[in-house]
PDB file of N, CA and C in Angstrom:
ATOM      1  N   MET A   1      28.407 221.871 165.186  1.00  0.00           N
ATOM      2  CA  MET A   1      29.235 222.500 164.778  1.00  0.00           C
ATOM      3  C   MET A   1      30.642 221.953 164.458  1.00  0.00           C
ATOM      4  N   ARG A   2      31.227 220.954 165.046  1.00  0.00           N
ATOM      5  CA  ARG A   2      32.327 220.355 164.426  1.00  0.00           C
ATOM      6  C   ARG A   2      31.711 219.562 163.377  1.00  0.00           C
ATOM      7  N   HIS A   3      30.772 219.134 163.139  1.00  0.00           N
ATOM      8  CA  HIS A   3      30.633 218.471 161.685  1.00  0.00           C
ATOM      9  C   HIS A   3      30.423 219.151 160.407  1.00  0.00           C
ATOM     10  N   GLN A   4      30.171 220.905 160.911  1.00  0.00           N
ATOM     11  CA  GLN A   4      30.053 221.426 159.689  1.00  0.00           C
ATOM     12  C   GLN A   4      31.151 222.027 159.612  1.00  0.00           C
ATOM     13  N   LEU A   5      32.555 222.158 160.121  1.00  0.00           N
ATOM     14  CA  LEU A   5      33.754 222.635 160.089  1.00  0.00           C
ATOM     15  C   LEU A   5      34.507 221.463 159.365  1.00  0.00           C
ATOM     16  N   LYS A   6      34.288 220.324 159.455  1.00  0.00           N
ATOM     17  CA  LYS A   6      34.532 219.060 158.691  1.00  0.00           C
ATOM     18  C   LYS A   6      34.374 219.628 156.921  1.00  0.00           C
ATOM     19  N   HIS A   7      32.949 219.655 157.633  1.00  0.00           N
ATOM     20  CA  HIS A   7      32.427 219.511 155.800  1.00  0.00           C
ATOM     21  C   HIS A   7      32.616 220.738 155.359  1.00  0.00           C
ATOM     22  N   ASP A   8      32.687 221.952 155.778  1.00  0.00           N
ATOM     23  CA  ASP A   8      33.536 222.678 155.018  1.00  0.00           C
ATOM     24  C   ASP A   8      34.498 222.765 154.469  1.00  0.00           C
ATOM     25  N   LYS A   9      35.775 222.322 155.613  1.00  0.00           N
ATOM     26  CA  LYS A   9      36.908 221.892 155.132  1.00  0.00           C
ATOM     27  C   LYS A   9      37.470 220.991 154.120  1.00  0.00           C
ATOM     28  N   ASP A  10      36.373 220.074 154.103  1.00  0.00           N
ATOM     29  CA  ASP A  10      36.447 219.390 153.050  1.00  0.00           C
ATOM     30  C   ASP A  10      36.264 219.810 151.322  1.00  0.00           C
ATOM     31  N   GLY A  11      35.471 220.818 151.688  1.00  0.00           N
ATOM     32  CA  GLY A  11      35.026 221.265 150.081  1.00  0.00           C
ATOM     33  C   GLY A  11      35.720 222.100 149.960  1.00  0.00           C
ATOM     34  N   LEU A  12      36.857 222.407 150.506  1.00  0.00           N
ATOM     35  CA  LEU A  12      37.907 223.470 150.062  1.00  0.00           C
ATOM     36  C   LEU A  12      38.299 223.070 148.767  1.00  0.00           C
ATOM     37  N   LEU A  13      38.780 224.532 148.190  1.00  0.00           N
ATOM     38  CA  LEU A  13      39.475 224.108 147.364  1.00  0.00           C
ATOM     39  C   LEU A  13      41.331 224.310 147.524  1.00  0.00           C
ATOM     40  N   ILE A  14      42.686 223.777 146.969  1.00  0.00           N
ATOM     41  CA  ILE A  14      43.792 224.165 147.220  1.00  0.00           C
ATOM     42  C   ILE A  14      44.077 225.801 147.002  1.00  0.00           C
ATOM     43  N   SER A  15      43.389 226.244 145.870  1.00  0.00           N
ATOM     44  CA  SER A  15      43.245 227.784 145.969  1.00  0.00           C
ATOM     45  C   SER A  15      42.652 228.521 146.701  1.00  0.00           C
ATOM     46  N   SER A  16      41.936 228.046 147.657  1.00  0.00           N
ATOM     47  CA  SER A  16      41.176 228.914 149.027  1.00  0.00           C
ATOM     48  C   SER A  16      42.569 229.382 149.815  1.00  0.00           C
ATOM     49  N   PHE A  17      43.692 228.325 150.175  1.00  0.00           N
ATOM     50  CA  PHE A  17      44.692 228.763 150.693  1.00  0.00           C
ATOM     51  C   PHE A  17      45.812 228.943 150.074  1.00  0.00           C
ATOM     52  N   CYS A  18      46.254 228.527 149.124  1.00  0.00           N
ATOM     53  CA  CYS A  18      47.571 228.359 148.737  1.00  0.00           C
ATOM     54  C   CYS A  18      47.235 229.291 146.653  1.00  0.00           C
ATOM     55  N   TYR A  19      48.335 229.649 146.685  1.00  0.00           N
ATOM     56  CA  TYR A  19      48.443 229.297 144.552  1.00  0.00           C
ATOM     57  C   TYR A  19      49.288 228.051 144.623  1.00  0.00           C
ATOM     58  N   PRO A  20      48.309 227.595 143.866  1.00  0.00           N
ATOM     59  CA  PRO A  20      49.170 225.985 143.402  1.00  0.00           C
ATOM     60  C   PRO A  20      50.332 225.794 142.267  1.00  0.00           C
ATOM     61  N   ARG A  21      50.846 224.998 142.054  1.00  0.00           N
ATOM     62  CA  ARG A  21      51.502 225.301 140.759  1.00  0.00           C
ATOM     63  C   ARG A  21      50.753 224.472 139.879  1.00  0.00           C
ATOM     64  N   LEU A  22      50.986 225.428 138.756  1.00  0.00           N
ATOM     65  CA  LEU A  22      49.939 225.017 137.509  1.00  0.00           C
ATOM     66  C   LEU A  22      51.053 223.758 136.602  1.00  0.00           C
ATOM     67  N   TYR A  23      49.825 222.768 136.460  1.00  0.00           N
ATOM     68  CA  TYR A  23      50.884 221.501 135.849  1.00  0.00           C
ATOM     69  C   TYR A  23      51.198 221.683 134.523  1.00  0.00           C
ATOM     70  N   SER A  24      52.878 221.359 134.168  1.00  0.00           N
ATOM     71  CA  SER A  24      52.675 221.477 132.941  1.00  0.00           C
ATOM     72  C   SER A  24      53.850 220.285 132.664  1.00  0.00           C
ATOM     73  N   LEU A  25      54.411 220.091 131.341  1.00  0.00           N
ATOM     74  CA  LEU A  25      55.140 219.168 131.331  1.00  0.00           C
ATOM     75  C   LEU A  25      56.746 219.231 131.524  1.00  0.00           C
ATOM     76  N   GLU A  26      57.027 220.126 131.702  1.00  0.00           N
ATOM     77  CA  GLU A  26      58.254 221.326 132.141  1.00  0.00           C
ATOM     78  C   GLU A  26      58.377 220.698 134.077  1.00  0.00           C
ATOM     79  N   ALA A  27      57.261 221.356 134.227  1.00  0.00           N
ATOM     80  CA  ALA A  27      57.180 221.363 135.634  1.00  0.00           C
ATOM     81  C   ALA A  27      57.183 219.868 136.702  1.00  0.00           C
ATOM     82  N   ALA A  28      56.183 219.025 135.724  1.00  0.00           N
ATOM     83  CA  ALA A  28      56.136 217.656 136.295  1.00  0.00           C
ATOM     84  C   ALA A  28      57.981 216.775 136.229  1.00  0.00           C
ATOM     85  N   LEU A  29      58.420 216.920 134.849  1.00  0.00           N
ATOM     86  CA  LEU A  29      59.605 216.751 134.901  1.00  0.00           C
ATOM     87  C   LEU A  29      61.377 217.304 135.471  1.00  0.00           C
ATOM     88  N   SER A  30      60.117 218.727 136.407  1.00  0.00           N
ATOM     89  CA  SER A  30      61.786 219.195 137.032  1.00  0.00           C
ATOM     90  C   SER A  30      61.946 218.648 138.410  1.00  0.00           C
ATOM     91  N   ALA A  31      63.508 218.864 138.436  1.00  0.00           N
ATOM     92  CA  ALA A  31      63.654 218.421 140.135  1.00  0.00           C
ATOM     93  C   ALA A  31      63.912 219.366 140.505  1.00  0.00           C
ATOM     94  N   GLU A  32      63.457 220.535 140.548  1.00  0.00           N
ATOM     95  CA  GLU A  32      63.724 222.232 141.443  1.00  0.00           C
ATOM     96  C   GLU A  32      62.362 221.596 142.620  1.00  0.00           C
ATOM     97  N   LYS A  33      62.422 221.925 143.830  1.00  0.00           N
ATOM     98  CA  LYS A  33      61.453 221.378 144.973  1.00  0.00           C
ATOM     99  C   LYS A  33      60.022 222.823 144.564  1.00  0.00           C
ATOM    100  N   TYR A  34      59.461 222.650 144.505  1.00  0.00           N
ATOM    101  CA  TYR A  34      58.140 223.576 144.534  1.00  0.00           C
ATOM    102  C   TYR A  34      57.454 223.983 145.659  1.00  0.00           C
ATOM    103  N   ASP A  35      57.686 225.534 146.113  1.00  0.00           N
ATOM    104  CA  ASP A  35      57.348 225.567 147.365  1.00  0.00           C
ATOM    105  C   ASP A  35      56.054 226.371 147.391  1.00  0.00           C
ATOM    106  N   PRO A  36      54.579 226.150 147.065  1.00  0.00           N
ATOM    107  CA  PRO A  36      53.487 227.176 147.382  1.00  0.00           C
ATOM    108  C   PRO A  36      53.599 228.018 148.066  1.00  0.00           C
ATOM    109  N   VAL A  37      52.741 229.462 147.285  1.00  0.00           N
ATOM    110  CA  VAL A  37      53.021 230.577 148.237  1.00  0.00           C
ATOM    111  C   VAL A  37      51.190 230.242 149.080  1.00  0.00           C
ATOM    112  N   ILE A  38      51.703 229.920 150.228  1.00  0.00           N
ATOM    113  CA  ILE A  38      50.467 230.135 151.136  1.00  0.00           C
ATOM    114  C   ILE A  38      49.987 231.656 151.121  1.00  0.00           C
ATOM    115  N   THR A  39      48.461 231.531 151.019  1.00  0.00           N
ATOM    116  CA  THR A  39      47.341 232.908 151.268  1.00  0.00           C
ATOM    117  C   THR A  39      46.693 233.116 152.260  1.00  0.00           C
ATOM    118  N   TRP A  40      46.970 231.830 153.145  1.00  0.00           N
ATOM    119  CA  TRP A  40      46.017 231.557 154.400  1.00  0.00           C
ATOM    120  C   TRP A  40      45.070 232.390 154.354  1.00  0.00           C
ATOM    121  N   PHE A  41      44.333 231.735 153.130  1.00  0.00           N
ATOM    122  CA  PHE A  41      42.285 232.166 152.939  1.00  0.00           C
ATOM    123  C   PHE A  41      42.317 233.438 152.806  1.00  0.00           C
ATOM    124  N   ARG A  42      43.304 234.592 152.635  1.00  0.00           N
ATOM    125  CA  ARG A  42      43.256 235.779 152.123  1.00  0.00           C
ATOM    126  C   ARG A  42      43.085 236.751 153.420  1.00  0.00           C
ATOM    127  N   LEU A  43      43.995 236.166 154.497  1.00  0.00           N
ATOM    128  CA  LEU A  43      44.276 236.887 155.732  1.00  0.00           C
ATOM    129  C   LEU A  43      45.002 237.759 155.648  1.00  0.00           C
ATOM    130  N   SER A  44      45.015 238.856 156.741  1.00  0.00           N
ATOM    131  CA  SER A  44      45.342 239.813 156.858  1.00  0.00           C
ATOM    132  C   SER A  44      46.649 239.415 157.729  1.00  0.00           C
ATOM    133  N   ALA A  45      48.065 240.101 157.584  1.00  0.00           N
ATOM    134  CA  ALA A  45      49.208 239.693 158.450  1.00  0.00           C
ATOM    135  C   ALA A  45      48.966 239.930 159.459  1.00  0.00           C
ATOM    136  N   GLY A  46      48.139 240.826 160.594  1.00  0.00           N
ATOM    137  CA  GLY A  46      47.695 240.756 161.919  1.00  0.00           C
ATOM    138  C   GLY A  46      47.183 239.231 162.125  1.00  0.00           C
ATOM    139  N   ALA A  47      46.085 238.970 161.258  1.00  0.00           N
ATOM    140  CA  ALA A  47      45.122 237.799 161.709  1.00  0.00           C
ATOM    141  C   ALA A  47      46.250 236.253 161.921  1.00  0.00           C
ATOM    142  N   HIS A  48      47.012 236.585 160.648  1.00  0.00           N
ATOM    143  CA  HIS A  48      48.281 235.552 160.425  1.00  0.00           C
ATOM    144  C   HIS A  48      48.913 235.082 161.801  1.00  0.00           C
ATOM    145  N   ASN A  49      49.322 236.213 162.154  1.00  0.00           N
ATOM    146  CA  ASN A  49      50.184 236.339 163.347  1.00  0.00           C
ATOM    147  C   ASN A  49      49.187 235.728 164.374  1.00  0.00           C
ATOM    148  N   MET A  50      48.346 235.957 164.671  1.00  0.00           N
ATOM    149  CA  MET A  50      47.307 235.804 165.730  1.00  0.00           C
ATOM    150  C   MET A  50      47.273 234.105 165.500  1.00  0.00           C
ATOM    151  N   ILE A  51      46.957 233.932 164.518  1.00  0.00           N
ATOM    152  CA  ILE A  51      46.796 232.398 164.212  1.00  0.00           C
ATOM    153  C   ILE A  51      47.917 231.588 164.385  1.00  0.00           C
ATOM    154  N   GLU A  52      49.250 232.317 164.321  1.00  0.00           N
ATOM    155  CA  GLU A  52      50.291 231.067 164.269  1.00  0.00           C
ATOM    156  C   GLU A  52      50.748 231.288 166.198  1.00  0.00           C
ATOM    157  N   HIS A  53      49.958 232.129 166.829  1.00  0.00           N
ATOM    158  CA  HIS A  53      50.093 232.068 168.107  1.00  0.00           C
ATOM    159  C   HIS A  53      49.518 231.535 168.842  1.00  0.00           C
ATOM    160  N   LEU A  54      48.014 231.703 168.089  1.00  0.00           N
ATOM    161  CA  LEU A  54      47.798 230.507 168.970  1.00  0.00           C
ATOM    162  C   LEU A  54      47.651 229.303 169.298  1.00  0.00           C
ATOM    163  N   TYR A  55      47.713 228.523 167.655  1.00  0.00           N
ATOM    164  CA  TYR A  55      48.740 227.199 167.775  1.00  0.00           C
ATOM    165  C   TYR A  55      49.688 227.259 168.616  1.00  0.00           C
ATOM    166  N   ALA A  56      50.923 228.040 168.645  1.00  0.00           N
ATOM    167  CA  ALA A  56      51.752 227.509 169.188  1.00  0.00           C
ATOM    168  C   ALA A  56      51.238 227.518 170.938  1.00  0.00           C
ATOM    169  N   TRP A  57      50.312 228.679 170.999  1.00  0.00           N
ATOM    170  CA  TRP A  57      49.976 228.816 172.845  1.00  0.00           C
ATOM    171  C   TRP A  57      48.889 227.668 172.822  1.00  0.00           C
ATOM    172  N   LYS A  58      48.455 227.012 172.355  1.00  0.00           N
ATOM    173  CA  LYS A  58      47.041 225.863 171.964  1.00  0.00           C
ATOM    174  C   LYS A  58      46.822 225.147 173.399  1.00  0.00           C
ATOM    175  N   GLU A  59      48.308 224.461 174.674  1.00  0.00           N
ATOM    176  CA  GLU A  59      48.160 223.871 175.857  1.00  0.00           C
ATOM    177  C   GLU A  59      47.996 224.743 176.657  1.00  0.00           C
ATOM    178  N   SER A  60      48.322 226.218 176.833  1.00  0.00           N
ATOM    179  CA  SER A  60      48.836 226.667 178.074  1.00  0.00           C
ATOM    180  C   SER A  60      47.245 227.038 178.574  1.00  0.00           C
ATOM    181  N   ALA A  61      47.124 226.620 179.619  1.00  0.00           N
ATOM    182  CA  ALA A  61      45.623 227.036 179.981  1.00  0.00           C
ATOM    183  C   ALA A  61      45.866 228.132 180.313  1.00  0.00           C
ATOM    184  N   VAL A  62      46.665 228.990 181.333  1.00  0.00           N
ATOM    185  CA  VAL A  62      46.862 230.252 181.907  1.00  0.00           C
ATOM    186  C   VAL A  62      46.562 231.311 180.226  1.00  0.00           C
ATOM    187  N   PHE A  63      47.048 231.410 179.154  1.00  0.00           N
ATOM    188  CA  PHE A  63      47.092 231.862 178.187  1.00  0.00           C
ATOM    189  C   PHE A  63      45.778 231.762 177.725  1.00  0.00           C
ATOM    190  N   TRP A  64      45.060 230.613 177.794  1.00  0.00           N
ATOM    191  CA  TRP A  64      43.429 230.397 177.304  1.00  0.00           C
ATOM    192  C   TRP A  64      42.445 231.131 178.477  1.00  0.00           C
ATOM    193  N   GLN A  65      42.355 230.955 179.529  1.00  0.00           N
ATOM    194  CA  GLN A  65      42.121 231.466 180.567  1.00  0.00           C
ATOM    195  C   GLN A  65      42.180 233.510 180.101  1.00  0.00           C
ATOM    196  N   ILE A  66      43.194 233.835 179.834  1.00  0.00           N
ATOM    197  CA  ILE A  66      43.308 234.947 179.394  1.00  0.00           C
ATOM    198  C   ILE A  66      42.621 235.380 177.929  1.00  0.00           C
ATOM    199  N   TRP A  67      42.277 234.470 176.987  1.00  0.00           N
ATOM    200  CA  TRP A  67      41.791 234.848 175.230  1.00  0.00           C
ATOM    201  C   TRP A  67      40.417 234.636 175.998  1.00  0.00           C
ATOM    202  N   LYS A  68      39.856 233.253 177.038  1.00  0.00           N
ATOM    203  CA  LYS A  68      38.824 233.424 177.115  1.00  0.00           C
ATOM    204  C   LYS A  68      38.178 234.986 178.077  1.00  0.00           C
ATOM    205  N   ALA A  69      38.662 235.520 178.723  1.00  0.00           N
ATOM    206  CA  ALA A  69      38.244 236.571 179.239  1.00  0.00           C
ATOM    207  C   ALA A  69      38.123 237.834 178.467  1.00  0.00           C
ATOM    208  N   GLN A  70      39.532 237.966 177.513  1.00  0.00           N
ATOM    209  CA  GLN A  70      38.846 238.869 176.861  1.00  0.00           C
ATOM    210  C   GLN A  70      37.960 239.037 175.749  1.00  0.00           C
ATOM    211  N   MET A  71      37.555 237.257 175.202  1.00  0.00           N
ATOM    212  CA  MET A  71      36.525 237.300 174.378  1.00  0.00           C
ATOM    213  C   MET A  71      35.303 237.887 174.542  1.00  0.00           C
ATOM    214  N   SER A  72      35.190 237.148 176.047  1.00  0.00           N
ATOM    215  CA  SER A  72      33.743 237.721 177.141  1.00  0.00           C
ATOM    216  C   SER A  72      33.569 239.252 176.988  1.00  0.00           C
ATOM    217  N   GLN A  73      34.839 239.775 177.430  1.00  0.00           N
ATOM    218  CA  GLN A  73      34.596 241.426 177.221  1.00  0.00           C
ATOM    219  C   GLN A  73      33.931 241.902 176.146  1.00  0.00           C
ATOM    220  N   VAL A  74      34.267 241.229 174.964  1.00  0.00           N
ATOM    221  CA  VAL A  74      33.653 241.574 173.537  1.00  0.00           C
ATOM    222  C   VAL A  74      32.372 240.795 173.200  1.00  0.00           C
ATOM    223  N   GLY A  75      32.277 240.109 173.806  1.00  0.00           N
ATOM    224  CA  GLY A  75      30.977 239.135 173.735  1.00  0.00           C
ATOM    225  C   GLY A  75      31.087 238.199 172.349  1.00  0.00           C
ATOM    226  N   MET A  76      31.601 236.915 172.924  1.00  0.00           N
ATOM    227  CA  MET A  76      31.554 235.470 172.280  1.00  0.00           C
ATOM    228  C   MET A  76      30.266 235.181 171.664  1.00  0.00           C
ATOM    229  N   ASP A  77      28.951 235.534 171.647  1.00  0.00           N
ATOM    230  CA  ASP A  77      28.239 235.074 170.748  1.00  0.00           C
ATOM    231  C   ASP A  77      28.223 235.806 169.389  1.00  0.00           C
ATOM    232  N   LYS A  78      28.559 237.403 169.712  1.00  0.00           N
ATOM    233  CA  LYS A  78      28.512 238.009 168.171  1.00  0.00           C
ATOM    234  C   LYS A  78      29.383 237.089 167.072  1.00  0.00           C
ATOM    235  N   LYS A  79      28.785 237.548 165.569  1.00  0.00           N
ATOM    236  CA  LYS A  79      29.734 237.010 165.053  1.00  0.00           C
ATOM    237  C   LYS A  79      30.800 238.466 164.533  1.00  0.00           C
ATOM    238  N   LEU A  80      32.099 237.855 164.658  1.00  0.00           N
ATOM    239  CA  LEU A  80      32.889 238.782 163.966  1.00  0.00           C
ATOM    240  C   LEU A  80      33.965 238.043 162.939  1.00  0.00           C
ATOM    241  N   THR A  81      34.070 239.283 162.195  1.00  0.00           N
ATOM    242  CA  THR A  81      35.421 238.554 161.190  1.00  0.00           C
ATOM    243  C   THR A  81      36.636 237.970 162.460  1.00  0.00           C
ATOM    244  N   VAL A  82      37.643 237.571 161.202  1.00  0.00           N
ATOM    245  CA  VAL A  82      38.729 237.197 162.046  1.00  0.00           C
ATOM    246  C   VAL A  82      39.509 238.553 162.525  1.00  0.00           C
ATOM    247  N   ASP A  83      39.446 239.434 161.605  1.00  0.00           N
ATOM    248  CA  ASP A  83      40.419 240.528 161.445  1.00  0.00           C
ATOM    249  C   ASP A  83      39.652 241.564 162.607  1.00  0.00           C
ATOM    250  N   GLN A  84      38.556 241.475 162.860  1.00  0.00           N
ATOM    251  CA  GLN A  84      37.429 242.214 164.374  1.00  0.00           C
ATOM    252  C   GLN A  84      38.432 241.637 165.395  1.00  0.00           C
ATOM    253  N   ILE A  85      38.164 239.868 165.337  1.00  0.00           N
ATOM    254  CA  ILE A  85      38.624 239.464 166.866  1.00  0.00           C
ATOM    255  C   ILE A  85      40.408 239.774 166.543  1.00  0.00           C
ATOM    256  N   GLU A  86      40.995 239.945 165.540  1.00  0.00           N
ATOM    257  CA  GLU A  86      42.572 240.080 165.947  1.00  0.00           C
ATOM    258  C   GLU A  86      42.734 241.668 166.319  1.00  0.00           C
ATOM    259  N   GLN A  87      41.485 242.665 166.341  1.00  0.00           N
ATOM    260  CA  GLN A  87      42.032 243.876 166.838  1.00  0.00           C
ATOM    261  C   GLN A  87      41.269 244.219 167.754  1.00  0.00           C
ATOM    262  N   SER A  88      40.173 243.114 168.424  1.00  0.00           N
ATOM    263  CA  SER A  88      39.617 243.893 169.424  1.00  0.00           C
ATOM    264  C   SER A  88      40.039 242.646 170.694  1.00  0.00           C
ATOM    265  N   SER A  89      40.334 241.414 170.503  1.00  0.00           N
ATOM    266  CA  SER A  89      40.545 240.510 171.947  1.00  0.00           C
ATOM    267  C   SER A  89      42.068 239.967 171.326  1.00  0.00           C
ATOM    268  N   TRP A  90      42.721 240.037 170.302  1.00  0.00           N
ATOM    269  CA  TRP A  90      43.980 239.305 170.402  1.00  0.00           C
ATOM    270  C   TRP A  90      44.911 240.352 171.011  1.00  0.00           C
ATOM    271  N   ARG A  91      45.114 241.174 170.019  1.00  0.00           N
ATOM    272  CA  ARG A  91      45.929 242.406 170.561  1.00  0.00           C
ATOM    273  C   ARG A  91      45.859 242.798 172.422  1.00  0.00           C
ATOM    274  N   GLN A  92      44.880 242.568 172.982  1.00  0.00           N
ATOM    275  CA  GLN A  92      44.728 242.788 174.539  1.00  0.00           C
ATOM    276  C   GLN A  92      45.320 241.615 175.277  1.00  0.00           C
ATOM    277  N   SER A  93      45.057 240.655 174.433  1.00  0.00           N
ATOM    278  CA  SER A  93      45.483 239.076 175.295  1.00  0.00           C
ATOM    279  C   SER A  93      47.117 238.720 175.083  1.00  0.00           C
ATOM    280  N   ASP A  94      47.433 239.018 173.782  1.00  0.00           N
ATOM    281  CA  ASP A  94      48.718 238.830 173.269  1.00  0.00           C
ATOM    282  C   ASP A  94      49.532 239.999 174.461  1.00  0.00           C
ATOM    283  N   TYR A  95      49.107 240.639 174.626  1.00  0.00           N
ATOM    284  CA  TYR A  95      49.510 242.195 175.966  1.00  0.00           C
ATOM    285  C   TYR A  95      49.908 241.708 177.126  1.00  0.00           C
ATOM    286  N   ILE A  96      48.733 240.895 177.500  1.00  0.00           N
ATOM    287  CA  ILE A  96      48.501 240.472 179.200  1.00  0.00           C
ATOM    288  C   ILE A  96      49.783 238.988 179.191  1.00  0.00           C
ATOM    289  N   TRP A  97      49.387 238.333 177.800  1.00  0.00           N
ATOM    290  CA  TRP A  97      50.111 237.169 178.357  1.00  0.00           C
ATOM    291  C   TRP A  97      51.953 237.085 178.319  1.00  0.00           C
ATOM    292  N   GLY A  98      52.223 238.151 177.390  1.00  0.00           N
ATOM    293  CA  GLY A  98      53.695 238.984 177.139  1.00  0.00           C
ATOM    294  C   GLY A  98      54.173 239.239 178.933  1.00  0.00           C
ATOM    295  N   ALA A  99      52.720 240.334 179.131  1.00  0.00           N
ATOM    296  CA  ALA A  99      53.509 240.714 180.600  1.00  0.00           C
ATOM    297  C   ALA A  99      53.683 239.526 181.618  1.00  0.00           C
ATOM    298  N   PHE A 100      52.424 238.640 181.346  1.00  0.00           N
ATOM    299  CA  PHE A 100      52.865 237.517 182.772  1.00  0.00           C
ATOM    300  C   PHE A 100      54.057 236.543 182.135  1.00  0.00           C
ATOM    301  N   CYS A 101      54.491 236.512 180.897  1.00  0.00           N
ATOM    302  CA  CYS A 101      55.656 235.692 180.608  1.00  0.00           C
ATOM    303  C   CYS A 101      56.742 236.428 181.121  1.00  0.00           C
ATOM    304  N   ARG A 102      56.647 237.500 180.914  1.00  0.00           N
ATOM    305  CA  ARG A 102      57.810 238.617 181.626  1.00  0.00           C
ATOM    306  C   ARG A 102      58.089 238.488 183.079  1.00  0.00           C
ATOM    307  N   GLY A 103      56.585 238.566 183.462  1.00  0.00           N
ATOM    308  CA  GLY A 103      56.932 238.163 185.120  1.00  0.00           C
ATOM    309  C   GLY A 103      57.116 237.023 186.172  1.00  0.00           C
ATOM    310  N   MET A 104      56.657 236.051 185.053  1.00  0.00           N
ATOM    311  CA  MET A 104      57.619 234.541 185.385  1.00  0.00           C
ATOM    312  C   MET A 104      59.372 234.259 185.250  1.00  0.00           C
ATOM    313  N   VAL A 105      59.713 235.329 184.178  1.00  0.00           N
ATOM    314  CA  VAL A 105      61.161 234.799 183.767  1.00  0.00           C
ATOM    315  C   VAL A 105      62.145 236.029 184.816  1.00  0.00           C
ATOM    316  N   GLY A 106      61.047 236.837 185.667  1.00  0.00           N
ATOM    317  CA  GLY A 106      61.877 237.928 186.163  1.00  0.00           C
ATOM    318  C   GLY A 106      62.133 239.297 185.295  1.00  0.00           C
ATOM    319  N   VAL A 107      61.616 239.009 183.814  1.00  0.00           N
ATOM    320  CA  VAL A 107      62.189 240.368 183.269  1.00  0.00           C
ATOM    321  C   VAL A 107      61.101 241.373 183.131  1.00  0.00           C
ATOM    322  N   HIS A 108      61.447 242.704 183.764  1.00  0.00           N
ATOM    323  CA  HIS A 108      60.560 243.942 183.461  1.00  0.00           C
ATOM    324  C   HIS A 108      60.925 244.874 182.606  1.00  0.00           C
ATOM    325  N   SER A 109      59.564 245.394 181.980  1.00  0.00           N
ATOM    326  CA  SER A 109      59.957 246.213 180.905  1.00  0.00           C
ATOM    327  C   SER A 109      59.537 247.525 180.967  1.00  0.00           C
TER     328      SER A 109
END
């Protein structure tokens, strides 16, 4: 699986994840910094948010325990789209994680 992911990643075009700057002589000579528009592989806003948080919480054993429990309820062996995962597992995991964190700092909602 890991080898397949690397192979897939190596074959991606820049246009798969951003709108690249089109080359022109004027653009090449311009002192203006170019910031590409990231498209996140055409992910929805909810999926984009989920991925940012999954990356930010990647070191948390507690979060991953919550995530695995939610994914097992959905069925980790099913082939789901990113949006299906965001809607089925992510929202509940995020809710549980938020409640856990609020409880740790003594904040009650």
